[in-house]
PDB file of all heavy atoms in Angstrom:
ATOM      1  N   VAL A   1      -2.910 244.293  49.303  1.00  0.00           N
ATOM      2  CA  VAL A   1      -3.081 243.807  50.672  1.00  0.00           C
ATOM      3  C   VAL A   1      -3.488 244.938  51.599  1.00  0.00           C
ATOM      4  O   VAL A   1      -2.951 246.053  51.527  1.00  0.00           O
ATOM      5  CB  VAL A   1      -1.766 243.157  51.175  1.00  0.00           C
ATOM      6  CG1 VAL A   1      -1.832 242.878  52.673  1.00  0.00           C
ATOM      7  CG2 VAL A   1      -1.491 241.861  50.416  1.00  0.00           C
ATOM      8  N   VAL A   2      -4.450 244.634  52.475  1.00  0.00           N
ATOM      9  CA  VAL A   2      -4.865 245.532  53.549  1.00  0.00           C
ATOM     10  C   VAL A   2      -4.559 244.839  54.870  1.00  0.00           C
ATOM     11  O   VAL A   2      -5.030 243.715  55.106  1.00  0.00           O
ATOM     12  CB  VAL A   2      -6.371 245.860  53.466  1.00  0.00           C
ATOM     13  CG1 VAL A   2      -6.780 246.771  54.622  1.00  0.00           C
ATOM     14  CG2 VAL A   2      -6.709 246.507  52.122  1.00  0.00           C
ATOM     15  N   LEU A   3      -3.777 245.489  55.709  1.00  0.00           N
ATOM     16  CA  LEU A   3      -3.386 244.911  56.995  1.00  0.00           C
ATOM     17  C   LEU A   3      -4.195 245.530  58.124  1.00  0.00           C
ATOM     18  O   LEU A   3      -4.357 246.748  58.198  1.00  0.00           O
ATOM     19  CB  LEU A   3      -1.900 245.149  57.282  1.00  0.00           C
ATOM     20  CG  LEU A   3      -0.871 244.418  56.435  1.00  0.00           C
ATOM     21  CD1 LEU A   3       0.524 244.716  56.965  1.00  0.00           C
ATOM     22  CD2 LEU A   3      -1.123 242.926  56.430  1.00  0.00           C
ATOM     23  N   VAL A   4      -4.666 244.673  59.032  1.00  0.00           N
ATOM     24  CA  VAL A   4      -5.380 245.112  60.234  1.00  0.00           C
ATOM     25  C   VAL A   4      -4.664 244.548  61.449  1.00  0.00           C
ATOM     26  O   VAL A   4      -4.319 243.356  61.479  1.00  0.00           O
ATOM     27  CB  VAL A   4      -6.849 244.636  60.220  1.00  0.00           C
ATOM     28  CG1 VAL A   4      -7.543 244.999  61.532  1.00  0.00           C
ATOM     29  CG2 VAL A   4      -7.589 245.225  59.036  1.00  0.00           C
ATOM     30  N   GLY A   5      -4.424 245.384  62.453  1.00  0.00           N
ATOM     31  CA  GLY A   5      -3.792 244.939  63.688  1.00  0.00           C
ATOM     32  C   GLY A   5      -4.084 245.904  64.813  1.00  0.00           C
ATOM     33  O   GLY A   5      -4.569 247.016  64.581  1.00  0.00           O
ATOM     34  N   ARG A   6      -3.786 245.494  66.024  1.00  0.00           N
ATOM     35  CA  ARG A   6      -4.078 246.341  67.184  1.00  0.00           C
ATOM     36  C   ARG A   6      -2.962 247.327  67.497  1.00  0.00           C
ATOM     37  O   ARG A   6      -3.214 248.386  68.061  1.00  0.00           O
ATOM     38  CB  ARG A   6      -4.348 245.465  68.414  1.00  0.00           C
ATOM     39  CG  ARG A   6      -5.680 244.741  68.361  1.00  0.00           C
ATOM     40  CD  ARG A   6      -5.931 243.942  69.615  1.00  0.00           C
ATOM     41  NE  ARG A   6      -4.968 242.853  69.777  1.00  0.00           N
ATOM     42  CZ  ARG A   6      -5.000 241.971  70.767  1.00  0.00           C
ATOM     43  NH1 ARG A   6      -5.940 242.069  71.695  1.00  0.00           N
ATOM     44  NH2 ARG A   6      -4.114 241.010  70.843  1.00  0.00           N
ATOM     45  N   ASN A   7      -1.727 246.968  67.160  1.00  0.00           N
ATOM     46  CA  ASN A   7      -0.577 247.791  67.516  1.00  0.00           C
ATOM     47  C   ASN A   7      -0.189 248.685  66.335  1.00  0.00           C
ATOM     48  O   ASN A   7       0.335 248.184  65.331  1.00  0.00           O
ATOM     49  CB  ASN A   7       0.595 246.886  67.906  1.00  0.00           C
ATOM     50  CG  ASN A   7       1.776 247.657  68.442  1.00  0.00           C
ATOM     51  OD1 ASN A   7       2.241 248.613  67.826  1.00  0.00           O
ATOM     52  ND2 ASN A   7       2.291 247.241  69.594  1.00  0.00           N
ATOM     53  N   PRO A   8      -0.429 250.001  66.431  1.00  0.00           N
ATOM     54  CA  PRO A   8      -0.165 250.883  65.286  1.00  0.00           C
ATOM     55  C   PRO A   8       1.294 250.887  64.846  1.00  0.00           C
ATOM     56  O   PRO A   8       1.569 250.929  63.642  1.00  0.00           O
ATOM     57  CB  PRO A   8      -0.597 252.267  65.802  1.00  0.00           C
ATOM     58  CG  PRO A   8      -1.527 251.989  66.941  1.00  0.00           C
ATOM     59  CD  PRO A   8      -1.035 250.727  67.564  1.00  0.00           C
ATOM     60  N   ASP A   9       2.220 250.860  65.804  1.00  0.00           N
ATOM     61  CA  ASP A   9       3.640 250.904  65.442  1.00  0.00           C
ATOM     62  C   ASP A   9       4.060 249.647  64.694  1.00  0.00           C
ATOM     63  O   ASP A   9       4.740 249.712  63.659  1.00  0.00           O
ATOM     64  CB  ASP A   9       4.501 251.082  66.700  1.00  0.00           C
ATOM     65  CG  ASP A   9       4.273 252.431  67.368  1.00  0.00           C
ATOM     66  OD1 ASP A   9       3.875 253.378  66.659  1.00  0.00           O
ATOM     67  OD2 ASP A   9       4.481 252.533  68.590  1.00  0.00           O
ATOM     68  N   ARG A  10       3.660 248.490  65.217  1.00  0.00           N
ATOM     69  CA  ARG A  10       4.010 247.229  64.560  1.00  0.00           C
ATOM     70  C   ARG A  10       3.324 247.128  63.200  1.00  0.00           C
ATOM     71  O   ARG A  10       3.891 246.599  62.241  1.00  0.00           O
ATOM     72  CB  ARG A  10       3.627 246.060  65.456  1.00  0.00           C
ATOM     73  CG  ARG A  10       4.266 244.743  65.062  1.00  0.00           C
ATOM     74  CD  ARG A  10       4.189 243.745  66.188  1.00  0.00           C
ATOM     75  NE  ARG A  10       2.816 243.413  66.537  1.00  0.00           N
ATOM     76  CZ  ARG A  10       2.447 242.844  67.667  1.00  0.00           C
ATOM     77  NH1 ARG A  10       3.350 242.569  68.595  1.00  0.00           N
ATOM     78  NH2 ARG A  10       1.181 242.549  67.903  1.00  0.00           N
ATOM     79  N   LEU A  11       2.113 247.658  63.117  1.00  0.00           N
ATOM     80  CA  LEU A  11       1.362 247.635  61.869  1.00  0.00           C
ATOM     81  C   LEU A  11       2.056 248.486  60.803  1.00  0.00           C
ATOM     82  O   LEU A  11       2.186 248.069  59.648  1.00  0.00           O
ATOM     83  CB  LEU A  11      -0.057 248.151  62.119  1.00  0.00           C
ATOM     84  CG  LEU A  11      -1.099 247.936  61.038  1.00  0.00           C
ATOM     85  CD1 LEU A  11      -1.325 246.458  60.781  1.00  0.00           C
ATOM     86  CD2 LEU A  11      -2.415 248.613  61.445  1.00  0.00           C
ATOM     87  N   ALA A  12       2.524 249.662  61.209  1.00  0.00           N
ATOM     88  CA  ALA A  12       3.222 250.543  60.269  1.00  0.00           C
ATOM     89  C   ALA A  12       4.509 249.899  59.767  1.00  0.00           C
ATOM     90  O   ALA A  12       4.854 250.001  58.581  1.00  0.00           O
ATOM     91  CB  ALA A  12       3.512 251.882  60.938  1.00  0.00           C
ATOM     92  N   GLN A  13       5.228 249.242  60.655  1.00  0.00           N
ATOM     93  CA  GLN A  13       6.465 248.576  60.261  1.00  0.00           C
ATOM     94  C   GLN A  13       6.189 247.444  59.275  1.00  0.00           C
ATOM     95  O   GLN A  13       6.897 247.274  58.277  1.00  0.00           O
ATOM     96  CB  GLN A  13       7.186 248.040  61.494  1.00  0.00           C
ATOM     97  CG  GLN A  13       8.525 247.373  61.188  1.00  0.00           C
ATOM     98  CD  GLN A  13       9.241 246.919  62.454  1.00  0.00           C
ATOM     99  OE1 GLN A  13       8.799 247.186  63.569  1.00  0.00           O
ATOM    100  NE2 GLN A  13      10.350 246.221  62.273  1.00  0.00           N
ATOM    101  N   ALA A  14       5.141 246.658  59.555  1.00  0.00           N
ATOM    102  CA  ALA A  14       4.780 245.557  58.662  1.00  0.00           C
ATOM    103  C   ALA A  14       4.348 246.079  57.296  1.00  0.00           C
ATOM    104  O   ALA A  14       4.703 245.516  56.260  1.00  0.00           O
ATOM    105  CB  ALA A  14       3.666 244.722  59.284  1.00  0.00           C
ATOM    106  N   ALA A  15       3.591 247.164  57.297  1.00  0.00           N
ATOM    107  CA  ALA A  15       3.113 247.744  56.042  1.00  0.00           C
ATOM    108  C   ALA A  15       4.269 248.211  55.180  1.00  0.00           C
ATOM    109  O   ALA A  15       4.283 248.014  53.960  1.00  0.00           O
ATOM    110  CB  ALA A  15       2.161 248.899  56.338  1.00  0.00           C
ATOM    111  N   ALA A  16       5.259 248.846  55.806  1.00  0.00           N
ATOM    112  CA  ALA A  16       6.427 249.307  55.068  1.00  0.00           C
ATOM    113  C   ALA A  16       7.247 248.132  54.543  1.00  0.00           C
ATOM    114  O   ALA A  16       7.818 248.195  53.450  1.00  0.00           O
ATOM    115  CB  ALA A  16       7.281 250.196  55.967  1.00  0.00           C
ATOM    116  N   ASP A  17       7.286 247.064  55.314  1.00  0.00           N
ATOM    117  CA  ASP A  17       8.059 245.881  54.930  1.00  0.00           C
ATOM    118  C   ASP A  17       7.457 245.191  53.711  1.00  0.00           C
ATOM    119  O   ASP A  17       8.170 244.786  52.783  1.00  0.00           O
ATOM    120  CB  ASP A  17       8.123 244.925  56.125  1.00  0.00           C
ATOM    121  CG  ASP A  17       8.860 243.633  55.821  1.00  0.00           C
ATOM    122  OD1 ASP A  17       9.756 243.649  54.960  1.00  0.00           O
ATOM    123  OD2 ASP A  17       8.549 242.614  56.442  1.00  0.00           O
ATOM    124  N   VAL A  18       6.132 245.057  53.709  1.00  0.00           N
ATOM    125  CA  VAL A  18       5.464 244.282  52.673  1.00  0.00           C
ATOM    126  C   VAL A  18       5.059 245.143  51.477  1.00  0.00           C
ATOM    127  O   VAL A  18       5.143 244.713  50.330  1.00  0.00           O
ATOM    128  CB  VAL A  18       4.219 243.572  53.267  1.00  0.00           C
ATOM    129  CG1 VAL A  18       3.427 242.865  52.178  1.00  0.00           C
ATOM    130  CG2 VAL A  18       4.638 242.580  54.339  1.00  0.00           C
ATOM    131  N   GLY A  19       4.600 246.375  51.750  1.00  0.00           N
ATOM    132  CA  GLY A  19       4.067 247.222  50.694  1.00  0.00           C
ATOM    133  C   GLY A  19       2.588 246.964  50.523  1.00  0.00           C
ATOM    134  O   GLY A  19       2.184 246.087  49.751  1.00  0.00           O
ATOM    135  N   VAL A  20       1.747 247.699  51.259  1.00  0.00           N
ATOM    136  CA  VAL A  20       0.312 247.436  51.257  1.00  0.00           C
ATOM    137  C   VAL A  20      -0.441 248.670  50.779  1.00  0.00           C
ATOM    138  O   VAL A  20       0.107 249.770  50.742  1.00  0.00           O
ATOM    139  CB  VAL A  20      -0.173 247.024  52.668  1.00  0.00           C
ATOM    140  CG1 VAL A  20       0.593 245.797  53.162  1.00  0.00           C
ATOM    141  CG2 VAL A  20      -0.037 248.169  53.667  1.00  0.00           C
ATOM    142  N   VAL A  21      -1.704 248.476  50.441  1.00  0.00           N
ATOM    143  CA  VAL A  21      -2.504 249.597  49.960  1.00  0.00           C
ATOM    144  C   VAL A  21      -3.150 250.363  51.108  1.00  0.00           C
ATOM    145  O   VAL A  21      -3.506 251.533  50.960  1.00  0.00           O
ATOM    146  CB  VAL A  21      -3.588 249.140  48.973  1.00  0.00           C
ATOM    147  CG1 VAL A  21      -2.949 248.563  47.725  1.00  0.00           C
ATOM    148  CG2 VAL A  21      -4.540 248.119  49.604  1.00  0.00           C
ATOM    149  N   ALA A  22      -3.325 249.701  52.272  1.00  0.00           N
ATOM    150  CA  ALA A  22      -3.958 250.379  53.403  1.00  0.00           C
ATOM    151  C   ALA A  22      -3.725 249.577  54.669  1.00  0.00           C
ATOM    152  O   ALA A  22      -3.448 248.371  54.630  1.00  0.00           O
ATOM    153  CB  ALA A  22      -5.464 250.546  53.168  1.00  0.00           C
ATOM    154  N   THR A  23      -3.844 250.258  55.807  1.00  0.00           N
ATOM    155  CA  THR A  23      -3.801 249.611  57.112  1.00  0.00           C
ATOM    156  C   THR A  23      -4.937 250.162  57.970  1.00  0.00           C
ATOM    157  O   THR A  23      -5.482 251.231  57.695  1.00  0.00           O
ATOM    158  CB  THR A  23      -2.464 249.860  57.846  1.00  0.00           C
ATOM    159  OG1 THR A  23      -2.328 251.272  58.101  1.00  0.00           O
ATOM    160  CG2 THR A  23      -1.285 249.362  57.032  1.00  0.00           C
ATOM    161  N   ALA A  24      -5.290 249.419  59.010  1.00  0.00           N
ATOM    162  CA  ALA A  24      -6.286 249.878  59.981  1.00  0.00           C
ATOM    163  C   ALA A  24      -5.907 249.315  61.340  1.00  0.00           C
ATOM    164  O   ALA A  24      -5.723 248.103  61.473  1.00  0.00           O
ATOM    165  CB  ALA A  24      -7.691 249.424  59.590  1.00  0.00           C
ATOM    166  N   ALA A  25      -5.776 250.202  62.328  1.00  0.00           N
ATOM    167  CA  ALA A  25      -5.383 249.791  63.675  1.00  0.00           C
ATOM    168  C   ALA A  25      -6.603 249.772  64.591  1.00  0.00           C
ATOM    169  O   ALA A  25      -7.121 250.823  64.964  1.00  0.00           O
ATOM    170  CB  ALA A  25      -4.316 250.731  64.227  1.00  0.00           C
ATOM    171  N   PHE A  26      -7.074 248.567  64.917  1.00  0.00           N
ATOM    172  CA  PHE A  26      -8.180 248.406  65.860  1.00  0.00           C
ATOM    173  C   PHE A  26      -8.233 246.950  66.295  1.00  0.00           C
ATOM    174  O   PHE A  26      -7.575 246.087  65.715  1.00  0.00           O
ATOM    175  CB  PHE A  26      -9.513 248.845  65.244  1.00  0.00           C
ATOM    176  CG  PHE A  26     -10.015 247.963  64.127  1.00  0.00           C
ATOM    177  CD1 PHE A  26     -10.887 246.917  64.364  1.00  0.00           C
ATOM    178  CD2 PHE A  26      -9.616 248.206  62.821  1.00  0.00           C
ATOM    179  CE1 PHE A  26     -11.344 246.104  63.342  1.00  0.00           C
ATOM    180  CE2 PHE A  26     -10.064 247.402  61.779  1.00  0.00           C
ATOM    181  CZ  PHE A  26     -10.936 246.350  62.042  1.00  0.00           C
ATOM    182  N   ASP A  27      -9.028 246.685  67.326  1.00  0.00           N
ATOM    183  CA  ASP A  27      -9.200 245.332  67.835  1.00  0.00           C
ATOM    184  C   ASP A  27     -10.305 244.645  67.036  1.00  0.00           C
ATOM    185  O   ASP A  27     -11.477 245.026  67.141  1.00  0.00           O
ATOM    186  CB  ASP A  27      -9.553 245.379  69.321  1.00  0.00           C
ATOM    187  CG  ASP A  27      -9.660 243.992  69.948  1.00  0.00           C
ATOM    188  OD1 ASP A  27      -9.543 242.990  69.209  1.00  0.00           O
ATOM    189  OD2 ASP A  27      -9.860 243.911  71.176  1.00  0.00           O
ATOM    190  N   ALA A  28      -9.948 243.649  66.236  1.00  0.00           N
ATOM    191  CA  ALA A  28     -10.926 242.982  65.379  1.00  0.00           C
ATOM    192  C   ALA A  28     -11.985 242.224  66.170  1.00  0.00           C
ATOM    193  O   ALA A  28     -13.025 241.855  65.617  1.00  0.00           O
ATOM    194  CB  ALA A  28     -10.218 242.032  64.419  1.00  0.00           C
ATOM    195  N   ALA A  29     -11.728 241.989  67.464  1.00  0.00           N
ATOM    196  CA  ALA A  29     -12.726 241.316  68.297  1.00  0.00           C
ATOM    197  C   ALA A  29     -13.857 242.258  68.705  1.00  0.00           C
ATOM    198  O   ALA A  29     -14.864 241.802  69.259  1.00  0.00           O
ATOM    199  CB  ALA A  29     -12.064 240.736  69.545  1.00  0.00           C
ATOM    200  N   ASP A  30     -13.715 243.548  68.431  1.00  0.00           N
ATOM    201  CA  ASP A  30     -14.764 244.529  68.715  1.00  0.00           C
ATOM    202  C   ASP A  30     -15.729 244.533  67.532  1.00  0.00           C
ATOM    203  O   ASP A  30     -15.378 245.008  66.446  1.00  0.00           O
ATOM    204  CB  ASP A  30     -14.138 245.914  68.902  1.00  0.00           C
ATOM    205  CG  ASP A  30     -15.158 246.983  69.252  1.00  0.00           C
ATOM    206  OD1 ASP A  30     -16.328 246.866  68.850  1.00  0.00           O
ATOM    207  OD2 ASP A  30     -14.773 247.963  69.921  1.00  0.00           O
TER     208      ASP A  30
END
């Protein structure tokens, strides 16, 4: 799983909770 979200802190917490291969913090509407 790769997680994308705007909030880096919330994204990091979610990644640690689930166990993902990568994350990216940016606004997907851009």
